[in-house]
PDB file of N, CA and C in Angstrom:
ATOM      1  N   MET A   1      81.751 -19.204 -10.645  1.00  0.00           N
ATOM      2  CA  MET A   1      82.226 -18.922  -9.291  1.00  0.00           C
ATOM      3  C   MET A   1      81.078 -18.285  -8.494  1.00  0.00           C
ATOM      4  N   PRO A   2      80.838 -18.791  -7.302  1.00  0.00           N
ATOM      5  CA  PRO A   2      79.731 -18.225  -6.509  1.00  0.00           C
ATOM      6  C   PRO A   2      80.038 -16.795  -6.072  1.00  0.00           C
ATOM      7  N   GLU A   3      78.973 -16.025  -5.909  1.00  0.00           N
ATOM      8  CA  GLU A   3      79.142 -14.645  -5.458  1.00  0.00           C
ATOM      9  C   GLU A   3      79.400 -14.572  -3.957  1.00  0.00           C
ATOM     10  N   GLN A   4      78.912 -15.557  -3.207  1.00  0.00           N
ATOM     11  CA  GLN A   4      79.074 -15.599  -1.752  1.00  0.00           C
ATOM     12  C   GLN A   4      79.716 -16.932  -1.349  1.00  0.00           C
ATOM     13  N   ILE A   5      80.518 -16.892  -0.282  1.00  0.00           N
ATOM     14  CA  ILE A   5      81.047 -18.105   0.310  1.00  0.00           C
ATOM     15  C   ILE A   5      80.652 -18.134   1.782  1.00  0.00           C
ATOM     16  N   ARG A   6      80.515 -19.310   2.311  1.00  0.00           N
ATOM     17  CA  ARG A   6      80.179 -19.483   3.728  1.00  0.00           C
ATOM     18  C   ARG A   6      81.447 -19.908   4.441  1.00  0.00           C
ATOM     19  N   VAL A   7      81.817 -19.183   5.520  1.00  0.00           N
ATOM     20  CA  VAL A   7      82.974 -19.519   6.340  1.00  0.00           C
ATOM     21  C   VAL A   7      82.549 -19.487   7.806  1.00  0.00           C
ATOM     22  N   PHE A   8      83.411 -19.971   8.656  1.00  0.00           N
ATOM     23  CA  PHE A   8      83.099 -20.047  10.081  1.00  0.00           C
ATOM     24  C   PHE A   8      84.219 -19.406  10.879  1.00  0.00           C
ATOM     25  N   VAL A   9      83.838 -18.494  11.765  1.00  0.00           N
ATOM     26  CA  VAL A   9      84.780 -17.809  12.643  1.00  0.00           C
ATOM     27  C   VAL A   9      84.345 -18.075  14.074  1.00  0.00           C
ATOM     28  N   ASN A  10      85.187 -18.761  14.824  1.00  0.00           N
ATOM     29  CA  ASN A  10      84.866 -19.100  16.216  1.00  0.00           C
ATOM     30  C   ASN A  10      83.470 -19.713  16.319  1.00  0.00           C
ATOM     31  N   ASP A  11      83.211 -20.703  15.476  1.00  0.00           N
ATOM     32  CA  ASP A  11      81.954 -21.470  15.476  1.00  0.00           C
ATOM     33  C   ASP A  11      80.740 -20.684  14.987  1.00  0.00           C
ATOM     34  N   ARG A  12      80.951 -19.514  14.436  1.00  0.00           N
ATOM     35  CA  ARG A  12      79.842 -18.699  13.925  1.00  0.00           C
ATOM     36  C   ARG A  12      79.902 -18.666  12.403  1.00  0.00           C
ATOM     37  N   GLY A  13      78.848 -19.129  11.760  1.00  0.00           N
ATOM     38  CA  GLY A  13      78.792 -19.118  10.308  1.00  0.00           C
ATOM     39  C   GLY A  13      78.493 -17.735   9.775  1.00  0.00           C
ATOM     40  N   ILE A  14      79.247 -17.329   8.758  1.00  0.00           N
ATOM     41  CA  ILE A  14      79.024 -16.032   8.131  1.00  0.00           C
ATOM     42  C   ILE A  14      79.156 -16.182   6.615  1.00  0.00           C
ATOM     43  N   SER A  15      78.495 -15.329   5.892  1.00  0.00           N
ATOM     44  CA  SER A  15      78.596 -15.297   4.436  1.00  0.00           C
ATOM     45  C   SER A  15      79.408 -14.079   4.034  1.00  0.00           C
ATOM     46  N   LEU A  16      80.336 -14.299   3.114  1.00  0.00           N
ATOM     47  CA  LEU A  16      81.201 -13.229   2.623  1.00  0.00           C
ATOM     48  C   LEU A  16      81.231 -13.272   1.102  1.00  0.00           C
ATOM     49  N   ALA A  17      81.664 -12.196   0.507  1.00  0.00           N
ATOM     50  CA  ALA A  17      81.835 -12.166  -0.936  1.00  0.00           C
ATOM     51  C   ALA A  17      82.952 -13.123  -1.336  1.00  0.00           C
ATOM     52  N   ALA A  18      82.783 -13.788  -2.463  1.00  0.00           N
ATOM     53  CA  ALA A  18      83.852 -14.632  -2.989  1.00  0.00           C
ATOM     54  C   ALA A  18      85.103 -13.773  -3.153  1.00  0.00           C
ATOM     55  N   GLY A  19      86.258 -14.326  -2.822  1.00  0.00           N
ATOM     56  CA  GLY A  19      87.504 -13.576  -2.888  1.00  0.00           C
ATOM     57  C   GLY A  19      87.857 -12.868  -1.592  1.00  0.00           C
ATOM     58  N   ALA A  20      87.042 -13.053  -0.554  1.00  0.00           N
ATOM     59  CA  ALA A  20      87.289 -12.402   0.737  1.00  0.00           C
ATOM     60  C   ALA A  20      88.578 -12.929   1.364  1.00  0.00           C
ATOM     61  N   LEU A  21      89.151 -12.103   2.211  1.00  0.00           N
ATOM     62  CA  LEU A  21      90.376 -12.439   2.927  1.00  0.00           C
ATOM     63  C   LEU A  21      90.061 -12.799   4.376  1.00  0.00           C
ATOM     64  N   VAL A  22      91.047 -13.377   5.053  1.00  0.00           N
ATOM     65  CA  VAL A  22      90.901 -13.688   6.477  1.00  0.00           C
ATOM     66  C   VAL A  22      90.488 -12.432   7.245  1.00  0.00           C
ATOM     67  N   ARG A  23      91.082 -11.300   6.916  1.00  0.00           N
ATOM     68  CA  ARG A  23      90.745 -10.020   7.571  1.00  0.00           C
ATOM     69  C   ARG A  23      89.240  -9.735   7.478  1.00  0.00           C
ATOM     70  N   ASP A  24      88.648  -9.992   6.314  1.00  0.00           N
ATOM     71  CA  ASP A  24      87.216  -9.750   6.119  1.00  0.00           C
ATOM     72  C   ASP A  24      86.383 -10.653   7.030  1.00  0.00           C
ATOM     73  N   ALA A  25      86.811 -11.899   7.175  1.00  0.00           N
ATOM     74  CA  ALA A  25      86.086 -12.842   8.024  1.00  0.00           C
ATOM     75  C   ALA A  25      86.160 -12.434   9.491  1.00  0.00           C
ATOM     76  N   ILE A  26      87.335 -11.995   9.929  1.00  0.00           N
ATOM     77  CA  ILE A  26      87.476 -11.567  11.324  1.00  0.00           C
ATOM     78  C   ILE A  26      86.654 -10.302  11.562  1.00  0.00           C
ATOM     79  N   GLN A  27      86.678  -9.382  10.608  1.00  0.00           N
ATOM     80  CA  GLN A  27      85.887  -8.152  10.739  1.00  0.00           C
ATOM     81  C   GLN A  27      84.406  -8.472  10.870  1.00  0.00           C
ATOM     82  N   ALA A  28      83.927  -9.450  10.119  1.00  0.00           N
ATOM     83  CA  ALA A  28      82.501  -9.789  10.150  1.00  0.00           C
ATOM     84  C   ALA A  28      82.136 -10.684  11.329  1.00  0.00           C
ATOM     85  N   GLY A  29      83.031 -11.593  11.708  1.00  0.00           N
ATOM     86  CA  GLY A  29      82.674 -12.595  12.707  1.00  0.00           C
ATOM     87  C   GLY A  29      83.185 -12.346  14.111  1.00  0.00           C
ATOM     88  N   ALA A  30      84.260 -11.574  14.244  1.00  0.00           N
ATOM     89  CA  ALA A  30      84.841 -11.287  15.568  1.00  0.00           C
ATOM     90  C   ALA A  30      85.517  -9.917  15.526  1.00  0.00           C
ATOM     91  N   PRO A  31      84.733  -8.858  15.243  1.00  0.00           N
ATOM     92  CA  PRO A  31      85.329  -7.532  15.048  1.00  0.00           C
ATOM     93  C   PRO A  31      86.100  -7.010  16.254  1.00  0.00           C
ATOM     94  N   ASP A  32      85.736  -7.438  17.444  1.00  0.00           N
ATOM     95  CA  ASP A  32      86.453  -6.995  18.643  1.00  0.00           C
ATOM     96  C   ASP A  32      87.887  -7.526  18.683  1.00  0.00           C
ATOM     97  N   LEU A  33      88.171  -8.611  17.936  1.00  0.00           N
ATOM     98  CA  LEU A  33      89.513  -9.190  17.924  1.00  0.00           C
ATOM     99  C   LEU A  33      90.402  -8.644  16.815  1.00  0.00           C
ATOM    100  N   LEU A  34      89.818  -7.971  15.833  1.00  0.00           N
ATOM    101  CA  LEU A  34      90.613  -7.513  14.693  1.00  0.00           C
ATOM    102  C   LEU A  34      91.782  -6.616  15.093  1.00  0.00           C
ATOM    103  N   PRO A  35      91.607  -5.610  15.942  1.00  0.00           N
ATOM    104  CA  PRO A  35      92.769  -4.792  16.315  1.00  0.00           C
ATOM    105  C   PRO A  35      93.886  -5.620  16.954  1.00  0.00           C
ATOM    106  N   ASP A  36      93.530  -6.595  17.786  1.00  0.00           N
ATOM    107  CA  ASP A  36      94.552  -7.437  18.404  1.00  0.00           C
ATOM    108  C   ASP A  36      95.198  -8.368  17.390  1.00  0.00           C
ATOM    109  N   CYS A  37      94.456  -8.816  16.395  1.00  0.00           N
ATOM    110  CA  CYS A  37      95.035  -9.632  15.324  1.00  0.00           C
ATOM    111  C   CYS A  37      96.036  -8.805  14.520  1.00  0.00           C
ATOM    112  N   GLU A  38      95.722  -7.550  14.295  1.00  0.00           N
ATOM    113  CA  GLU A  38      96.606  -6.673  13.525  1.00  0.00           C
ATOM    114  C   GLU A  38      97.907  -6.375  14.258  1.00  0.00           C
ATOM    115  N   THR A  39      97.874  -6.356  15.574  1.00  0.00           N
ATOM    116  CA  THR A  39      99.086  -6.052  16.351  1.00  0.00           C
ATOM    117  C   THR A  39      99.806  -7.293  16.866  1.00  0.00           C
ATOM    118  N   GLY A  40      99.246  -8.468  16.614  1.00  0.00           N
ATOM    119  CA  GLY A  40      99.887  -9.700  17.071  1.00  0.00           C
ATOM    120  C   GLY A  40      99.488 -10.121  18.475  1.00  0.00           C
ATOM    121  N   LYS A  41      98.571  -9.409  19.108  1.00  0.00           N
ATOM    122  CA  LYS A  41      98.108  -9.779  20.439  1.00  0.00           C
ATOM    123  C   LYS A  41      97.079 -10.899  20.389  1.00  0.00           C
ATOM    124  N   ALA A  42      96.574 -11.184  19.184  1.00  0.00           N
ATOM    125  CA  ALA A  42      95.654 -12.298  18.970  1.00  0.00           C
ATOM    126  C   ALA A  42      96.132 -13.046  17.738  1.00  0.00           C
ATOM    127  N   GLY A  43      95.837 -14.325  17.711  1.00  0.00           N
ATOM    128  CA  GLY A  43      96.240 -15.145  16.580  1.00  0.00           C
ATOM    129  C   GLY A  43      95.038 -15.752  15.888  1.00  0.00           C
ATOM    130  N   ILE A  44      95.251 -16.154  14.646  1.00  0.00           N
ATOM    131  CA  ILE A  44      94.208 -16.790  13.852  1.00  0.00           C
ATOM    132  C   ILE A  44      94.759 -18.103  13.332  1.00  0.00           C
ATOM    133  N   THR A  45      93.987 -19.163  13.490  1.00  0.00           N
ATOM    134  CA  THR A  45      94.381 -20.464  12.969  1.00  0.00           C
ATOM    135  C   THR A  45      93.260 -21.046  12.123  1.00  0.00           C
ATOM    136  N   ASP A  46      93.641 -22.015  11.299  1.00  0.00           N
ATOM    137  CA  ASP A  46      92.636 -22.710  10.502  1.00  0.00           C
ATOM    138  C   ASP A  46      92.140 -23.931  11.267  1.00  0.00           C
ATOM    139  N   ALA A  47      91.333 -24.745  10.614  1.00  0.00           N
ATOM    140  CA  ALA A  47      90.733 -25.908  11.277  1.00  0.00           C
ATOM    141  C   ALA A  47      91.782 -26.911  11.761  1.00  0.00           C
ATOM    142  N   ARG A  48      92.969 -26.882  11.159  1.00  0.00           N
ATOM    143  CA  ARG A  48      94.049 -27.796  11.567  1.00  0.00           C
ATOM    144  C   ARG A  48      94.948 -27.201  12.637  1.00  0.00           C
ATOM    145  N   GLY A  49      94.683 -25.943  12.998  1.00  0.00           N
ATOM    146  CA  GLY A  49      95.507 -25.284  14.004  1.00  0.00           C
ATOM    147  C   GLY A  49      96.723 -24.587  13.424  1.00  0.00           C
ATOM    148  N   LEU A  50      96.776 -24.464  12.093  1.00  0.00           N
ATOM    149  CA  LEU A  50      97.899 -23.784  11.458  1.00  0.00           C
ATOM    150  C   LEU A  50      97.631 -22.281  11.406  1.00  0.00           C
ATOM    151  N   PRO A  51      98.662 -21.478  11.696  1.00  0.00           N
ATOM    152  CA  PRO A  51      98.457 -20.027  11.725  1.00  0.00           C
ATOM    153  C   PRO A  51      98.153 -19.464  10.348  1.00  0.00           C
ATOM    154  N   LEU A  52      97.319 -18.429  10.337  1.00  0.00           N
ATOM    155  CA  LEU A  52      96.930 -17.729   9.115  1.00  0.00           C
ATOM    156  C   LEU A  52      97.257 -16.253   9.253  1.00  0.00           C
ATOM    157  N   SER A  53      97.573 -15.623   8.122  1.00  0.00           N
ATOM    158  CA  SER A  53      97.753 -14.177   8.126  1.00  0.00           C
ATOM    159  C   SER A  53      96.443 -13.520   7.702  1.00  0.00           C
ATOM    160  N   LEU A  54      96.302 -12.274   8.031  1.00  0.00           N
ATOM    161  CA  LEU A  54      95.081 -11.537   7.699  1.00  0.00           C
ATOM    162  C   LEU A  54      94.881 -11.366   6.196  1.00  0.00           C
ATOM    163  N   ASP A  55      95.947 -11.463   5.423  1.00  0.00           N
ATOM    164  CA  ASP A  55      95.859 -11.205   3.991  1.00  0.00           C
ATOM    165  C   ASP A  55      95.678 -12.461   3.148  1.00  0.00           C
ATOM    166  N   GLU A  56      95.448 -13.604   3.780  1.00  0.00           N
ATOM    167  CA  GLU A  56      95.244 -14.837   3.021  1.00  0.00           C
ATOM    168  C   GLU A  56      93.815 -14.927   2.500  1.00  0.00           C
ATOM    169  N   PRO A  57      93.657 -15.403   1.268  1.00  0.00           N
ATOM    170  CA  PRO A  57      92.306 -15.571   0.717  1.00  0.00           C
ATOM    171  C   PRO A  57      91.601 -16.761   1.354  1.00  0.00           C
ATOM    172  N   LEU A  58      90.283 -16.687   1.397  1.00  0.00           N
ATOM    173  CA  LEU A  58      89.470 -17.752   1.985  1.00  0.00           C
ATOM    174  C   LEU A  58      88.821 -18.603   0.904  1.00  0.00           C
ATOM    175  N   ALA A  59      88.597 -19.855   1.247  1.00  0.00           N
ATOM    176  CA  ALA A  59      87.825 -20.757   0.395  1.00  0.00           C
ATOM    177  C   ALA A  59      86.492 -21.010   1.088  1.00  0.00           C
ATOM    178  N   ALA A  60      85.497 -21.376   0.320  1.00  0.00           N
ATOM    179  CA  ALA A  60      84.198 -21.715   0.898  1.00  0.00           C
ATOM    180  C   ALA A  60      84.383 -22.841   1.913  1.00  0.00           C
ATOM    181  N   GLY A  61      83.753 -22.695   3.071  1.00  0.00           N
ATOM    182  CA  GLY A  61      83.835 -23.705   4.121  1.00  0.00           C
ATOM    183  C   GLY A  61      85.016 -23.544   5.058  1.00  0.00           C
ATOM    184  N   SER A  62      85.810 -22.497   4.876  1.00  0.00           N
ATOM    185  CA  SER A  62      86.961 -22.275   5.767  1.00  0.00           C
ATOM    186  C   SER A  62      86.493 -22.163   7.211  1.00  0.00           C
ATOM    187  N   ILE A  63      87.282 -22.736   8.104  1.00  0.00           N
ATOM    188  CA  ILE A  63      86.999 -22.676   9.539  1.00  0.00           C
ATOM    189  C   ILE A  63      88.160 -21.956  10.198  1.00  0.00           C
ATOM    190  N   LEU A  64      87.859 -20.835  10.845  1.00  0.00           N
ATOM    191  CA  LEU A  64      88.881 -20.008  11.486  1.00  0.00           C
ATOM    192  C   LEU A  64      88.639 -19.932  12.981  1.00  0.00           C
ATOM    193  N   ARG A  65      89.722 -19.872  13.709  1.00  0.00           N
ATOM    194  CA  ARG A  65      89.655 -19.660  15.158  1.00  0.00           C
ATOM    195  C   ARG A  65      90.537 -18.459  15.457  1.00  0.00           C
ATOM    196  N   ALA A  66      89.961 -17.439  16.077  1.00  0.00           N
ATOM    197  CA  ALA A  66      90.712 -16.243  16.470  1.00  0.00           C
ATOM    198  C   ALA A  66      90.618 -16.111  17.976  1.00  0.00           C
ATOM    199  N   GLN A  67      91.771 -15.908  18.610  1.00  0.00           N
ATOM    200  CA  GLN A  67      91.765 -15.714  20.064  1.00  0.00           C
ATOM    201  C   GLN A  67      92.987 -14.931  20.491  1.00  0.00           C
ATOM    202  N   ARG A  68      92.815 -14.224  21.587  1.00  0.00           N
ATOM    203  CA  ARG A  68      93.908 -13.455  22.154  1.00  0.00           C
ATOM    204  C   ARG A  68      94.955 -14.392  22.725  1.00  0.00           C
ATOM    205  N   SER A  69      96.195 -13.964  22.658  1.00  0.00           N
ATOM    206  CA  SER A  69      97.299 -14.762  23.171  1.00  0.00           C
ATOM    207  C   SER A  69      97.257 -14.777  24.690  1.00  0.00           C
ATOM    208  N   SER A  70      97.591 -15.917  25.251  1.00  0.00           N
ATOM    209  CA  SER A  70      97.653 -16.016  26.707  1.00  0.00           C
ATOM    210  C   SER A  70      99.039 -15.654  27.232  1.00  0.00           C
ATOM    211  N   ARG A  71      99.966 -15.394  26.342  1.00  0.00           N
ATOM    212  CA  ARG A  71     101.323 -15.026  26.750  1.00  0.00           C
ATOM    213  C   ARG A  71     101.336 -13.596  27.281  1.00  0.00           C
ATOM    214  N   ARG A  72     102.096 -13.399  28.314  1.00  0.00           N
ATOM    215  CA  ARG A  72     102.225 -12.065  28.894  1.00  0.00           C
ATOM    216  C   ARG A  72     103.579 -11.483  28.521  1.00  0.00           C
ATOM    217  N   GLY A  73     103.584 -10.213  28.217  1.00  0.00           N
ATOM    218  CA  GLY A  73     104.827  -9.541  27.831  1.00  0.00           C
ATOM    219  C   GLY A  73     105.704  -9.250  29.032  1.00  0.00           C
ATOM    220  N   GLY A  74     106.930  -8.881  28.748  1.00  0.00           N
ATOM    221  CA  GLY A  74     107.858  -8.459  29.784  1.00  0.00           C
ATOM    222  C   GLY A  74     108.561  -9.576  30.504  1.00  0.00           C
ATOM    223  N   GLY A  75     108.457 -10.815  30.009  1.00  0.00           N
ATOM    224  CA  GLY A  75     108.899 -12.007  30.585  1.00  0.00           C
ATOM    225  C   GLY A  75     110.209 -12.257  31.021  1.00  0.00           C
TER     226      GLY A  75
END
């Protein structure tokens, strides 16, 4: 098993320890979005557009997209 895996967060390649979680990738690749991901104000999807949780393990080559929600509260 490799010691490092390469993943992509918002088109930015990063190397993480094998066994890293989605949370680790967001912390390394888009740290400004992590607090919003934790509170649900931002979402994370995989390359197919399927939602991911912060506690999911990553595989080498994973492609993640993290972005703030465009929905406004109080609707």
